[in-house]
C-alpha atoms as a PDB file:
ATOM      1  CA  UNK A   1      95.060 138.602 164.002  1.00  0.00           C
ATOM      2  CA  UNK A   2      98.841 138.491 163.312  1.00  0.00           C
ATOM      3  CA  UNK A   3     100.551 141.588 161.989  1.00  0.00           C
ATOM      4  CA  UNK A   4     104.182 140.584 161.403  1.00  0.00           C
ATOM      5  CA  UNK A   5     105.213 138.795 158.214  1.00  0.00           C
ATOM      6  CA  UNK A   6     106.423 135.486 159.755  1.00  0.00           C
ATOM      7  CA  UNK A   7     103.193 135.118 161.675  1.00  0.00           C
ATOM      8  CA  UNK A   8     101.131 135.910 158.574  1.00  0.00           C
ATOM      9  CA  UNK A   9     103.012 133.240 156.651  1.00  0.00           C
ATOM     10  CA  UNK A  10     102.525 130.730 159.438  1.00  0.00           C
ATOM     11  CA  UNK A  11      98.788 131.313 159.710  1.00  0.00           C
ATOM     12  CA  UNK A  12      98.401 131.257 155.913  1.00  0.00           C
ATOM     13  CA  UNK A  13     100.255 127.938 155.708  1.00  0.00           C
ATOM     14  CA  UNK A  14      98.210 126.518 158.570  1.00  0.00           C
ATOM     15  CA  UNK A  15      95.012 127.370 156.743  1.00  0.00           C
ATOM     16  CA  UNK A  16      95.963 126.478 153.175  1.00  0.00           C
ATOM     17  CA  UNK A  17      98.184 123.382 153.529  1.00  0.00           C
ATOM     18  CA  UNK A  18      95.408 121.074 154.871  1.00  0.00           C
ATOM     19  CA  UNK A  19      93.091 122.153 152.035  1.00  0.00           C
ATOM     20  CA  UNK A  20      95.835 121.554 149.483  1.00  0.00           C
ATOM     21  CA  UNK A  21      96.498 118.125 150.964  1.00  0.00           C
ATOM     22  CA  UNK A  22      92.810 117.273 150.820  1.00  0.00           C
ATOM     23  CA  UNK A  23      92.741 118.511 147.218  1.00  0.00           C
ATOM     24  CA  UNK A  24      95.679 116.262 146.339  1.00  0.00           C
ATOM     25  CA  UNK A  25      93.846 113.333 147.929  1.00  0.00           C
ATOM     26  CA  UNK A  26      90.719 114.214 145.942  1.00  0.00           C
ATOM     27  CA  UNK A  27      92.795 114.304 142.746  1.00  0.00           C
ATOM     28  CA  UNK A  28      94.186 110.874 143.569  1.00  0.00           C
ATOM     29  CA  UNK A  29      90.730 109.445 144.228  1.00  0.00           C
ATOM     30  CA  UNK A  30      89.274 110.913 141.033  1.00  0.00           C
ATOM     31  CA  UNK A  31      92.176 110.197 138.664  1.00  0.00           C
ATOM     32  CA  UNK A  32      90.173 107.433 137.000  1.00  0.00           C
ATOM     33  CA  UNK A  33      87.209 109.702 136.440  1.00  0.00           C
ATOM     34  CA  UNK A  34      86.694 112.170 133.623  1.00  0.00           C
ATOM     35  CA  UNK A  35      89.204 114.857 132.751  1.00  0.00           C
ATOM     36  CA  UNK A  36      86.507 117.455 133.433  1.00  0.00           C
ATOM     37  CA  UNK A  37      86.320 116.392 137.102  1.00  0.00           C
ATOM     38  CA  UNK A  38      90.075 116.715 137.429  1.00  0.00           C
ATOM     39  CA  UNK A  39      89.992 120.217 135.915  1.00  0.00           C
ATOM     40  CA  UNK A  40      87.277 121.329 138.371  1.00  0.00           C
ATOM     41  CA  UNK A  41      89.248 119.960 141.334  1.00  0.00           C
ATOM     42  CA  UNK A  42      92.375 121.759 140.098  1.00  0.00           C
ATOM     43  CA  UNK A  43      90.452 125.044 139.989  1.00  0.00           C
ATOM     44  CA  UNK A  44      88.877 124.583 143.420  1.00  0.00           C
ATOM     45  CA  UNK A  45      92.122 123.673 145.222  1.00  0.00           C
ATOM     46  CA  UNK A  46      93.838 127.117 144.983  1.00  0.00           C
ATOM     47  CA  UNK A  47      90.536 128.960 145.482  1.00  0.00           C
ATOM     48  CA  UNK A  48      89.607 127.111 148.664  1.00  0.00           C
ATOM     49  CA  UNK A  49      93.212 127.178 149.891  1.00  0.00           C
ATOM     50  CA  UNK A  50      93.246 130.961 149.491  1.00  0.00           C
ATOM     51  CA  UNK A  51      89.942 131.294 151.349  1.00  0.00           C
ATOM     52  CA  UNK A  52      91.045 129.135 154.283  1.00  0.00           C
ATOM     53  CA  UNK A  53      94.360 130.988 154.419  1.00  0.00           C
ATOM     54  CA  UNK A  54      92.518 134.313 154.687  1.00  0.00           C
ATOM     55  CA  UNK A  55      90.209 132.920 157.375  1.00  0.00           C
ATOM     56  CA  UNK A  56      93.192 131.632 159.359  1.00  0.00           C
ATOM     57  CA  UNK A  57      95.022 134.967 159.071  1.00  0.00           C
ATOM     58  CA  UNK A  58      91.898 136.833 160.232  1.00  0.00           C
ATOM     59  CA  UNK A  59      91.819 134.721 163.373  1.00  0.00           C
ATOM     60  CA  UNK A  60      88.415 133.321 162.431  1.00  0.00           C
ATOM     61  CA  UNK A  61      87.007 136.823 162.696  1.00  0.00           C
ATOM     62  CA  UNK A  62      84.688 137.584 159.798  1.00  0.00           C
ATOM     63  CA  UNK A  63      85.689 141.182 159.236  1.00  0.00           C
ATOM     64  CA  UNK A  64      84.651 143.477 156.435  1.00  0.00           C
ATOM     65  CA  UNK A  65      87.941 142.824 154.610  1.00  0.00           C
ATOM     66  CA  UNK A  66      87.413 139.065 154.825  1.00  0.00           C
ATOM     67  CA  UNK A  67      83.884 139.452 153.515  1.00  0.00           C
ATOM     68  CA  UNK A  68      85.134 141.429 150.522  1.00  0.00           C
ATOM     69  CA  UNK A  69      87.831 138.834 149.828  1.00  0.00           C
ATOM     70  CA  UNK A  70      85.296 136.013 150.079  1.00  0.00           C
ATOM     71  CA  UNK A  71      83.016 137.766 147.584  1.00  0.00           C
ATOM     72  CA  UNK A  72      85.924 138.161 145.158  1.00  0.00           C
ATOM     73  CA  UNK A  73      86.856 134.495 145.521  1.00  0.00           C
ATOM     74  CA  UNK A  74      83.228 133.448 145.002  1.00  0.00           C
ATOM     75  CA  UNK A  75      83.042 135.470 141.780  1.00  0.00           C
ATOM     76  CA  UNK A  76      86.357 134.033 140.602  1.00  0.00           C
ATOM     77  CA  UNK A  77      85.119 130.511 141.372  1.00  0.00           C
ATOM     78  CA  UNK A  78      81.833 131.130 139.549  1.00  0.00           C
ATOM     79  CA  UNK A  79      83.802 132.129 136.459  1.00  0.00           C
ATOM     80  CA  UNK A  80      86.646 129.619 136.705  1.00  0.00           C
ATOM     81  CA  UNK A  81      84.651 126.433 137.378  1.00  0.00           C
ATOM     82  CA  UNK A  82      82.437 126.639 134.240  1.00  0.00           C
ATOM     83  CA  UNK A  83      85.519 127.553 132.240  1.00  0.00           C
ATOM     84  CA  UNK A  84      87.299 124.516 133.684  1.00  0.00           C
ATOM     85  CA  UNK A  85      84.363 122.298 132.725  1.00  0.00           C
ATOM     86  CA  UNK A  86      84.380 123.581 129.146  1.00  0.00           C
ATOM     87  CA  UNK A  87      88.155 123.340 128.840  1.00  0.00           C
ATOM     88  CA  UNK A  88      88.141 119.893 130.472  1.00  0.00           C
ATOM     89  CA  UNK A  89      85.624 118.568 127.975  1.00  0.00           C
ATOM     90  CA  UNK A  90      87.569 120.072 125.090  1.00  0.00           C
ATOM     91  CA  UNK A  91      90.785 118.539 126.405  1.00  0.00           C
ATOM     92  CA  UNK A  92      89.038 115.200 126.898  1.00  0.00           C
ATOM     93  CA  UNK A  93      87.850 115.218 123.285  1.00  0.00           C
ATOM     94  CA  UNK A  94      91.346 116.093 122.162  1.00  0.00           C
ATOM     95  CA  UNK A  95      92.813 113.295 124.272  1.00  0.00           C
ATOM     96  CA  UNK A  96      90.344 110.767 122.867  1.00  0.00           C
ATOM     97  CA  UNK A  97      91.085 111.977 119.338  1.00  0.00           C
ATOM     98  CA  UNK A  98      94.828 111.680 119.939  1.00  0.00           C
ATOM     99  CA  UNK A  99      94.373 108.184 121.339  1.00  0.00           C
ATOM    100  CA  UNK A 100      92.307 107.177 118.316  1.00  0.00           C
ATOM    101  CA  UNK A 101      94.897 108.639 115.971  1.00  0.00           C
ATOM    102  CA  UNK A 102      97.626 106.731 117.814  1.00  0.00           C
ATOM    103  CA  UNK A 103      95.658 103.503 117.499  1.00  0.00           C
ATOM    104  CA  UNK A 104      95.097 104.167 113.794  1.00  0.00           C
ATOM    105  CA  UNK A 105      98.800 104.837 113.319  1.00  0.00           C
ATOM    106  CA  UNK A 106      99.657 101.590 115.076  1.00  0.00           C
ATOM    107  CA  UNK A 107      97.134  99.710 112.930  1.00  0.00           C
ATOM    108  CA  UNK A 108      98.550 101.322 109.792  1.00  0.00           C
ATOM    109  CA  UNK A 109     102.085 100.437 110.846  1.00  0.00           C
ATOM    110  CA  UNK A 110     101.028  96.850 111.508  1.00  0.00           C
ATOM    111  CA  UNK A 111      99.348  96.760 108.097  1.00  0.00           C
ATOM    112  CA  UNK A 112     102.496  98.140 106.461  1.00  0.00           C
ATOM    113  CA  UNK A 113     104.640  95.486 108.119  1.00  0.00           C
ATOM    114  CA  UNK A 114     102.278  92.764 106.947  1.00  0.00           C
ATOM    115  CA  UNK A 115     102.261  94.238 103.458  1.00  0.00           C
ATOM    116  CA  UNK A 116     106.063  94.297 103.356  1.00  0.00           C
ATOM    117  CA  UNK A 117     106.119  90.673 104.504  1.00  0.00           C
ATOM    118  CA  UNK A 118     103.612  89.811 101.785  1.00  0.00           C
ATOM    119  CA  UNK A 119     105.639  91.586  99.098  1.00  0.00           C
ATOM    120  CA  UNK A 120     108.846  89.864 100.162  1.00  0.00           C
ATOM    121  CA  UNK A 121     107.181  86.439 100.053  1.00  0.00           C
ATOM    122  CA  UNK A 122     104.353  86.335  97.514  1.00  0.00           C
ATOM    123  CA  UNK A 123     105.989  88.438  94.823  1.00  0.00           C
ATOM    124  CA  UNK A 124     109.104  86.296  94.963  1.00  0.00           C
ATOM    125  CA  UNK A 125     107.156  83.114  94.213  1.00  0.00           C
ATOM    126  CA  UNK A 126     106.098  83.952  90.628  1.00  0.00           C
ATOM    127  CA  UNK A 127     109.404  85.745  90.028  1.00  0.00           C
ATOM    128  CA  UNK A 128     111.362  82.651  91.083  1.00  0.00           C
ATOM    129  CA  UNK A 129     109.310  80.470  88.751  1.00  0.00           C
ATOM    130  CA  UNK A 130     109.725  82.844  85.827  1.00  0.00           C
ATOM    131  CA  UNK A 131     113.470  83.112  86.474  1.00  0.00           C
ATOM    132  CA  UNK A 132     113.974  79.352  86.746  1.00  0.00           C
ATOM    133  CA  UNK A 133     112.056  78.546  83.559  1.00  0.00           C
ATOM    134  CA  UNK A 134     113.664  81.404  81.641  1.00  0.00           C
ATOM    135  CA  UNK A 135     117.156  80.244  82.641  1.00  0.00           C
ATOM    136  CA  UNK A 136     116.285  76.676  81.664  1.00  0.00           C
ATOM    137  CA  UNK A 137     115.244  77.846  78.207  1.00  0.00           C
ATOM    138  CA  UNK A 138     118.227  80.207  77.812  1.00  0.00           C
ATOM    139  CA  UNK A 139     120.742  77.527  78.874  1.00  0.00           C
ATOM    140  CA  UNK A 140     119.303  74.996  76.474  1.00  0.00           C
ATOM    141  CA  UNK A 141     118.310  72.620  79.248  1.00  0.00           C
ATOM    142  CA  UNK A 142     114.875  72.439  77.685  1.00  0.00           C
ATOM    143  CA  UNK A 143     114.897  71.774  73.947  1.00  0.00           C
ATOM    144  CA  UNK A 144     111.855  69.618  73.225  1.00  0.00           C
ATOM    145  CA  UNK A 145     109.089  71.625  71.498  1.00  0.00           C
ATOM    146  CA  UNK A 146     106.283  70.410  73.763  1.00  0.00           C
ATOM    147  CA  UNK A 147     108.326  71.232  76.865  1.00  0.00           C
ATOM    148  CA  UNK A 148     109.248  74.647  75.497  1.00  0.00           C
ATOM    149  CA  UNK A 149     105.572  75.365  74.833  1.00  0.00           C
ATOM    150  CA  UNK A 150     104.617  74.255  78.350  1.00  0.00           C
ATOM    151  CA  UNK A 151     107.324  76.450  79.886  1.00  0.00           C
ATOM    152  CA  UNK A 152     106.280  79.421  77.771  1.00  0.00           C
ATOM    153  CA  UNK A 153     102.643  79.030  78.807  1.00  0.00           C
ATOM    154  CA  UNK A 154     103.655  78.781  82.454  1.00  0.00           C
ATOM    155  CA  UNK A 155     105.789  81.912  82.139  1.00  0.00           C
ATOM    156  CA  UNK A 156     102.807  83.762  80.631  1.00  0.00           C
ATOM    157  CA  UNK A 157     100.541  82.606  83.472  1.00  0.00           C
ATOM    158  CA  UNK A 158     103.032  83.619  86.139  1.00  0.00           C
ATOM    159  CA  UNK A 159     103.547  86.981  84.430  1.00  0.00           C
ATOM    160  CA  UNK A 160      99.804  87.648  84.396  1.00  0.00           C
ATOM    161  CA  UNK A 161      99.616  86.656  88.046  1.00  0.00           C
ATOM    162  CA  UNK A 162     102.507  88.974  88.902  1.00  0.00           C
ATOM    163  CA  UNK A 163     100.872  91.804  86.960  1.00  0.00           C
ATOM    164  CA  UNK A 164      97.609  91.253  88.841  1.00  0.00           C
ATOM    165  CA  UNK A 165      99.485  91.403  92.154  1.00  0.00           C
ATOM    166  CA  UNK A 166     101.099  94.689  91.177  1.00  0.00           C
ATOM    167  CA  UNK A 167      97.698  96.067  90.128  1.00  0.00           C
ATOM    168  CA  UNK A 168      96.249  95.056  93.494  1.00  0.00           C
ATOM    169  CA  UNK A 169      99.144  96.689  95.306  1.00  0.00           C
ATOM    170  CA  UNK A 170      98.700  99.908  93.323  1.00  0.00           C
ATOM    171  CA  UNK A 171      94.935  99.946  93.938  1.00  0.00           C
ATOM    172  CA  UNK A 172      95.415  99.334  97.657  1.00  0.00           C
ATOM    173  CA  UNK A 173      97.998 102.116  97.903  1.00  0.00           C
ATOM    174  CA  UNK A 174      95.543 104.577  96.316  1.00  0.00           C
ATOM    175  CA  UNK A 175      92.814 103.549  98.744  1.00  0.00           C
ATOM    176  CA  UNK A 176      95.046 103.825 101.817  1.00  0.00           C
ATOM    177  CA  UNK A 177      96.543 107.163 100.759  1.00  0.00           C
ATOM    178  CA  UNK A 178      93.166 108.736  99.981  1.00  0.00           C
ATOM    179  CA  UNK A 179      94.204 109.296  96.371  1.00  0.00           C
ATOM    180  CA  UNK A 180      91.340 107.218  94.987  1.00  0.00           C
ATOM    181  CA  UNK A 181      89.052 109.370  92.844  1.00  0.00           C
ATOM    182  CA  UNK A 182      85.921 107.773  91.408  1.00  0.00           C
ATOM    183  CA  UNK A 183      83.539 109.204  88.845  1.00  0.00           C
ATOM    184  CA  UNK A 184      80.060 108.237  90.023  1.00  0.00           C
ATOM    185  CA  UNK A 185      77.061 107.896  87.735  1.00  0.00           C
ATOM    186  CA  UNK A 186      73.761 105.986  87.796  1.00  0.00           C
ATOM    187  CA  UNK A 187      74.310 102.309  86.990  1.00  0.00           C
ATOM    188  CA  UNK A 188      72.081  99.245  87.146  1.00  0.00           C
ATOM    189  CA  UNK A 189      73.505  96.834  89.704  1.00  0.00           C
ATOM    190  CA  UNK A 190      71.939  93.911  87.836  1.00  0.00           C
ATOM    191  CA  UNK A 191      74.003  94.610  84.705  1.00  0.00           C
ATOM    192  CA  UNK A 192      77.250  94.572  86.677  1.00  0.00           C
ATOM    193  CA  UNK A 193      76.363  91.241  88.259  1.00  0.00           C
ATOM    194  CA  UNK A 194      75.481  89.778  84.852  1.00  0.00           C
ATOM    195  CA  UNK A 195      78.897  90.852  83.545  1.00  0.00           C
ATOM    196  CA  UNK A 196      80.713  89.349  86.519  1.00  0.00           C
ATOM    197  CA  UNK A 197      78.737  86.093  86.304  1.00  0.00           C
ATOM    198  CA  UNK A 198      79.561  85.806  82.591  1.00  0.00           C
ATOM    199  CA  UNK A 199      83.262  86.529  83.197  1.00  0.00           C
ATOM    200  CA  UNK A 200      83.726  84.199  86.179  1.00  0.00           C
ATOM    201  CA  UNK A 201      81.385  81.431  85.001  1.00  0.00           C
ATOM    202  CA  UNK A 202      84.064  79.518  83.030  1.00  0.00           C
ATOM    203  CA  UNK A 203      86.416  79.631  86.026  1.00  0.00           C
ATOM    204  CA  UNK A 204      83.691  78.243  88.277  1.00  0.00           C
ATOM    205  CA  UNK A 205      82.954  75.502  85.723  1.00  0.00           C
ATOM    206  CA  UNK A 206      86.606  74.469  85.610  1.00  0.00           C
ATOM    207  CA  UNK A 207      86.607  74.282  89.414  1.00  0.00           C
ATOM    208  CA  UNK A 208      83.458  72.125  89.381  1.00  0.00           C
ATOM    209  CA  UNK A 209      81.370  74.787  91.117  1.00  0.00           C
ATOM    210  CA  UNK A 210      77.830  75.825  90.181  1.00  0.00           C
ATOM    211  CA  UNK A 211      77.594  79.622  89.902  1.00  0.00           C
ATOM    212  CA  UNK A 212      74.089  81.081  89.792  1.00  0.00           C
ATOM    213  CA  UNK A 213      72.857  84.698  89.758  1.00  0.00           C
ATOM    214  CA  UNK A 214      69.314  85.504  90.914  1.00  0.00           C
ATOM    215  CA  UNK A 215      68.038  89.034  90.242  1.00  0.00           C
ATOM    216  CA  UNK A 216      64.718  90.860  90.063  1.00  0.00           C
ATOM    217  CA  UNK A 217      63.121  91.909  86.795  1.00  0.00           C
ATOM    218  CA  UNK A 218      63.145  95.630  87.613  1.00  0.00           C
ATOM    219  CA  UNK A 219      66.311  97.799  87.518  1.00  0.00           C
ATOM    220  CA  UNK A 220      68.292  98.430  90.691  1.00  0.00           C
ATOM    221  CA  UNK A 221      69.815 101.897  90.131  1.00  0.00           C
ATOM    222  CA  UNK A 222      72.781 102.930  92.269  1.00  0.00           C
ATOM    223  CA  UNK A 223      75.129 105.891  91.974  1.00  0.00           C
ATOM    224  CA  UNK A 224      78.543 104.354  91.476  1.00  0.00           C
ATOM    225  CA  UNK A 225      81.559 103.706  89.327  1.00  0.00           C
ATOM    226  CA  UNK A 226      80.917 100.694  87.109  1.00  0.00           C
ATOM    227  CA  UNK A 227      84.603  99.674  86.960  1.00  0.00           C
ATOM    228  CA  UNK A 228      85.031  99.856  90.726  1.00  0.00           C
ATOM    229  CA  UNK A 229      81.766  98.054  91.525  1.00  0.00           C
ATOM    230  CA  UNK A 230      82.539  95.394  88.939  1.00  0.00           C
ATOM    231  CA  UNK A 231      85.858  94.811  90.644  1.00  0.00           C
ATOM    232  CA  UNK A 232      84.176  94.569  94.048  1.00  0.00           C
ATOM    233  CA  UNK A 233      81.726  91.922  92.867  1.00  0.00           C
ATOM    234  CA  UNK A 234      84.457  90.109  90.934  1.00  0.00           C
ATOM    235  CA  UNK A 235      86.666  89.980  94.032  1.00  0.00           C
ATOM    236  CA  UNK A 236      83.834  88.585  96.143  1.00  0.00           C
ATOM    237  CA  UNK A 237      82.911  85.938  93.564  1.00  0.00           C
ATOM    238  CA  UNK A 238      86.573  85.017  93.004  1.00  0.00           C
ATOM    239  CA  UNK A 239      87.034  84.696  96.772  1.00  0.00           C
ATOM    240  CA  UNK A 240      83.998  82.404  96.928  1.00  0.00           C
ATOM    241  CA  UNK A 241      85.343  80.259  94.070  1.00  0.00           C
ATOM    242  CA  UNK A 242      88.735  79.979  95.756  1.00  0.00           C
ATOM    243  CA  UNK A 243      87.238  78.687  98.988  1.00  0.00           C
ATOM    244  CA  UNK A 244      84.420  76.495  97.689  1.00  0.00           C
ATOM    245  CA  UNK A 245      85.317  72.833  97.126  1.00  0.00           C
ATOM    246  CA  UNK A 246      84.404  71.065  93.860  1.00  0.00           C
ATOM    247  CA  UNK A 247      80.743  70.176  93.721  1.00  0.00           C
ATOM    248  CA  UNK A 248      79.799  73.263  95.739  1.00  0.00           C
ATOM    249  CA  UNK A 249      77.505  76.137  94.828  1.00  0.00           C
ATOM    250  CA  UNK A 250      77.776  79.931  94.722  1.00  0.00           C
ATOM    251  CA  UNK A 251      74.668  82.113  94.660  1.00  0.00           C
ATOM    252  CA  UNK A 252      74.826  85.789  93.753  1.00  0.00           C
ATOM    253  CA  UNK A 253      71.567  87.435  94.813  1.00  0.00           C
ATOM    254  CA  UNK A 254      70.635  91.095  94.566  1.00  0.00           C
ATOM    255  CA  UNK A 255      67.683  93.262  95.501  1.00  0.00           C
ATOM    256  CA  UNK A 256      66.696  96.451  97.324  1.00  0.00           C
ATOM    257  CA  UNK A 257      65.159  97.362 100.664  1.00  0.00           C
ATOM    258  CA  UNK A 258      64.852 100.482 102.836  1.00  0.00           C
ATOM    259  CA  UNK A 259      66.322 102.798 100.206  1.00  0.00           C
ATOM    260  CA  UNK A 260      69.414 100.656  99.680  1.00  0.00           C
ATOM    261  CA  UNK A 261      70.490  98.175  97.055  1.00  0.00           C
ATOM    262  CA  UNK A 262      72.174  95.002  98.207  1.00  0.00           C
ATOM    263  CA  UNK A 263      74.076  92.150  96.633  1.00  0.00           C
ATOM    264  CA  UNK A 264      75.031  88.923  98.388  1.00  0.00           C
ATOM    265  CA  UNK A 265      77.541  86.249  97.486  1.00  0.00           C
ATOM    266  CA  UNK A 266      76.781  82.969  99.280  1.00  0.00           C
ATOM    267  CA  UNK A 267      79.076  79.958  99.047  1.00  0.00           C
ATOM    268  CA  UNK A 268      79.077  76.409 100.401  1.00  0.00           C
ATOM    269  CA  UNK A 269      82.682  76.448 101.566  1.00  0.00           C
ATOM    270  CA  UNK A 270      84.042  75.769 105.061  1.00  0.00           C
ATOM    271  CA  UNK A 271      83.019  79.179 106.378  1.00  0.00           C
ATOM    272  CA  UNK A 272      85.201  81.656 108.246  1.00  0.00           C
ATOM    273  CA  UNK A 273      86.735  80.995 111.645  1.00  0.00           C
ATOM    274  CA  UNK A 274      85.412  83.240 114.405  1.00  0.00           C
ATOM    275  CA  UNK A 275      88.944  84.497 115.073  1.00  0.00           C
ATOM    276  CA  UNK A 276      89.345  85.481 111.407  1.00  0.00           C
ATOM    277  CA  UNK A 277      86.057  87.380 110.977  1.00  0.00           C
ATOM    278  CA  UNK A 278      87.247  90.649 112.587  1.00  0.00           C
ATOM    279  CA  UNK A 279      90.288  90.739 110.250  1.00  0.00           C
ATOM    280  CA  UNK A 280      88.785  89.339 107.063  1.00  0.00           C
ATOM    281  CA  UNK A 281      88.988  92.725 105.280  1.00  0.00           C
ATOM    282  CA  UNK A 282      92.571  93.510 106.333  1.00  0.00           C
ATOM    283  CA  UNK A 283      95.328  93.781 103.740  1.00  0.00           C
ATOM    284  CA  UNK A 284      97.120  90.492 102.945  1.00  0.00           C
ATOM    285  CA  UNK A 285      95.170  88.613 105.628  1.00  0.00           C
ATOM    286  CA  UNK A 286      94.369  85.083 104.510  1.00  0.00           C
ATOM    287  CA  UNK A 287      92.997  83.595 107.702  1.00  0.00           C
ATOM    288  CA  UNK A 288      93.404  80.117 109.107  1.00  0.00           C
ATOM    289  CA  UNK A 289      94.091  76.946 107.204  1.00  0.00           C
ATOM    290  CA  UNK A 290      90.425  75.932 107.551  1.00  0.00           C
ATOM    291  CA  UNK A 291      89.611  78.396 104.795  1.00  0.00           C
ATOM    292  CA  UNK A 292      92.617  77.745 102.575  1.00  0.00           C
ATOM    293  CA  UNK A 293      91.872  78.048  98.844  1.00  0.00           C
ATOM    294  CA  UNK A 294      90.245  75.001  97.335  1.00  0.00           C
ATOM    295  CA  UNK A 295      90.871  76.217  93.782  1.00  0.00           C
ATOM    296  CA  UNK A 296      94.162  77.632  92.534  1.00  0.00           C
ATOM    297  CA  UNK A 297      95.148  79.899  89.683  1.00  0.00           C
ATOM    298  CA  UNK A 298      92.199  82.255  90.232  1.00  0.00           C
ATOM    299  CA  UNK A 299      92.992  85.954  90.219  1.00  0.00           C
ATOM    300  CA  UNK A 300      96.180  87.238  91.770  1.00  0.00           C
ATOM    301  CA  UNK A 301      95.857  85.388  95.115  1.00  0.00           C
ATOM    302  CA  UNK A 302      97.436  88.516  96.583  1.00  0.00           C
ATOM    303  CA  UNK A 303      95.398  88.488  99.784  1.00  0.00           C
ATOM    304  CA  UNK A 304      94.175  92.019  99.048  1.00  0.00           C
ATOM    305  CA  UNK A 305      90.964  91.245  97.155  1.00  0.00           C
ATOM    306  CA  UNK A 306      88.643  91.663 100.136  1.00  0.00           C
ATOM    307  CA  UNK A 307      90.554  94.707 101.437  1.00  0.00           C
ATOM    308  CA  UNK A 308      90.246  96.356  98.016  1.00  0.00           C
ATOM    309  CA  UNK A 309      86.530  95.515  97.901  1.00  0.00           C
ATOM    310  CA  UNK A 310      86.012  97.082 101.341  1.00  0.00           C
ATOM    311  CA  UNK A 311      87.933 100.228 100.345  1.00  0.00           C
ATOM    312  CA  UNK A 312      85.974 100.665  97.113  1.00  0.00           C
ATOM    313  CA  UNK A 313      82.644 100.181  98.895  1.00  0.00           C
ATOM    314  CA  UNK A 314      83.626 102.787 101.488  1.00  0.00           C
ATOM    315  CA  UNK A 315      84.403 105.180  98.632  1.00  0.00           C
ATOM    316  CA  UNK A 316      80.777 104.671  97.502  1.00  0.00           C
ATOM    317  CA  UNK A 317      79.501 105.462 101.027  1.00  0.00           C
ATOM    318  CA  UNK A 318      78.275 101.896 101.278  1.00  0.00           C
ATOM    319  CA  UNK A 319      79.057  99.031 103.586  1.00  0.00           C
ATOM    320  CA  UNK A 320      80.296  95.469 103.238  1.00  0.00           C
ATOM    321  CA  UNK A 321      79.716  92.629 105.696  1.00  0.00           C
ATOM    322  CA  UNK A 322      80.856  89.063 106.143  1.00  0.00           C
ATOM    323  CA  UNK A 323      79.225  86.349 108.201  1.00  0.00           C
ATOM    324  CA  UNK A 324      78.872  82.595 108.401  1.00  0.00           C
ATOM    325  CA  UNK A 325      75.754  80.737 107.406  1.00  0.00           C
ATOM    326  CA  UNK A 326      74.672  77.254 108.381  1.00  0.00           C
ATOM    327  CA  UNK A 327      76.724  76.020 105.414  1.00  0.00           C
ATOM    328  CA  UNK A 328      79.399  78.321 104.020  1.00  0.00           C
ATOM    329  CA  UNK A 329      79.547  82.061 104.415  1.00  0.00           C
ATOM    330  CA  UNK A 330      78.000  85.206 103.013  1.00  0.00           C
ATOM    331  CA  UNK A 331      79.532  88.459 101.804  1.00  0.00           C
ATOM    332  CA  UNK A 332      77.087  91.318 101.331  1.00  0.00           C
ATOM    333  CA  UNK A 333      77.413  94.847 100.000  1.00  0.00           C
ATOM    334  CA  UNK A 334      74.856  97.605 100.541  1.00  0.00           C
ATOM    335  CA  UNK A 335      74.748 100.801  98.497  1.00  0.00           C
ATOM    336  CA  UNK A 336      72.370 103.765  98.567  1.00  0.00           C
ATOM    337  CA  UNK A 337      69.930 103.820  95.686  1.00  0.00           C
ATOM    338  CA  UNK A 338      70.566 106.528  93.103  1.00  0.00           C
ATOM    339  CA  UNK A 339      69.067 109.923  93.995  1.00  0.00           C
ATOM    340  CA  UNK A 340      65.606 110.351  92.554  1.00  0.00           C
ATOM    341  CA  UNK A 341      65.306 106.619  91.896  1.00  0.00           C
ATOM    342  CA  UNK A 342      63.179 104.300  93.981  1.00  0.00           C
ATOM    343  CA  UNK A 343      63.415 100.593  93.372  1.00  0.00           C
ATOM    344  CA  UNK A 344      60.674  98.391  94.791  1.00  0.00           C
ATOM    345  CA  UNK A 345      61.603  96.916  98.139  1.00  0.00           C
ATOM    346  CA  UNK A 346      62.589  93.278  97.863  1.00  0.00           C
ATOM    347  CA  UNK A 347      63.427  92.035 101.348  1.00  0.00           C
ATOM    348  CA  UNK A 348      65.208  88.754 101.726  1.00  0.00           C
ATOM    349  CA  UNK A 349      62.867  86.151 103.232  1.00  0.00           C
ATOM    350  CA  UNK A 350      65.737  84.275 104.840  1.00  0.00           C
ATOM    351  CA  UNK A 351      66.996  85.056 108.320  1.00  0.00           C
ATOM    352  CA  UNK A 352      70.201  87.015 107.986  1.00  0.00           C
ATOM    353  CA  UNK A 353      72.981  86.177 110.439  1.00  0.00           C
ATOM    354  CA  UNK A 354      75.012  88.939 111.956  1.00  0.00           C
ATOM    355  CA  UNK A 355      78.575  89.522 110.798  1.00  0.00           C
ATOM    356  CA  UNK A 356      81.344  92.072 110.877  1.00  0.00           C
ATOM    357  CA  UNK A 357      80.837  95.344 109.105  1.00  0.00           C
ATOM    358  CA  UNK A 358      83.116  97.680 107.233  1.00  0.00           C
ATOM    359  CA  UNK A 359      81.785 101.022 106.073  1.00  0.00           C
END
């Protein structure tokens, strides 16, 4: 057993350096494993290095002092390793949470960029038309009464469209910022669908599309905000009208099953491309040209209708899905039935295809 300081240092290094090197190799081999494993290895490296250093200094003689040191190290290891496991798991959860937050921030930034691009393009279109027609009237270029009336009507239409775009933008900003506050009360889902069908029926007729609502005779009570749910259904029906060619059909069907109310909007349009399905509820996302609007002048055409519908359904603790059928596509919303109310189960006899889900 060495007694001078240089010899002690030499023996300690001879015993601890190989263990530290092996620990570094173990860290390298386990870097793709869980953070908990890495924390345990980090705790064991100095403990084992200390033990081997003491054994080397003792000249491999298991003296009473070495036994006492080994007991202390064993106790320290018994305390430190479980602590490392707990801390490693906590750090792993924190790392996963930070990664998710980073991904959400990137998605939000991408959405903001797309929204800015939409504002710079789509808002300019009605503004340019209004400006051009207004200047033509102000400069006296247009003086015939029938032309003046046509220009005035077009200005009114473009103004309404611009106002609807601004309303959509304001609604979407409230949803994204968490400032949306809804007053929920028991409402009959059937009544909302009747109102939407009555309001959008003339638009469907002008587009040459048959709009039909099929509902049960018994009430379907849900706890919701009638204005918000009406807007959701209106957006889905308007989207179906936009993408259904003349001569097509739109079916709005509602019912209840498994403690939830559901409403489906089926159309006979071209369907949704597989690459567009995962993004169909994103802000200002219009998809591929295969599902370009077949009817124009319906709603604001802001590209935020489905995103607003998804946000409002989430605020109701419901879910919204989109999927393709054999002909056309289906949008479905599901909402919990009102507390204390039980509507008779009315399962859909058709086979329901799987789609994307938001909620």
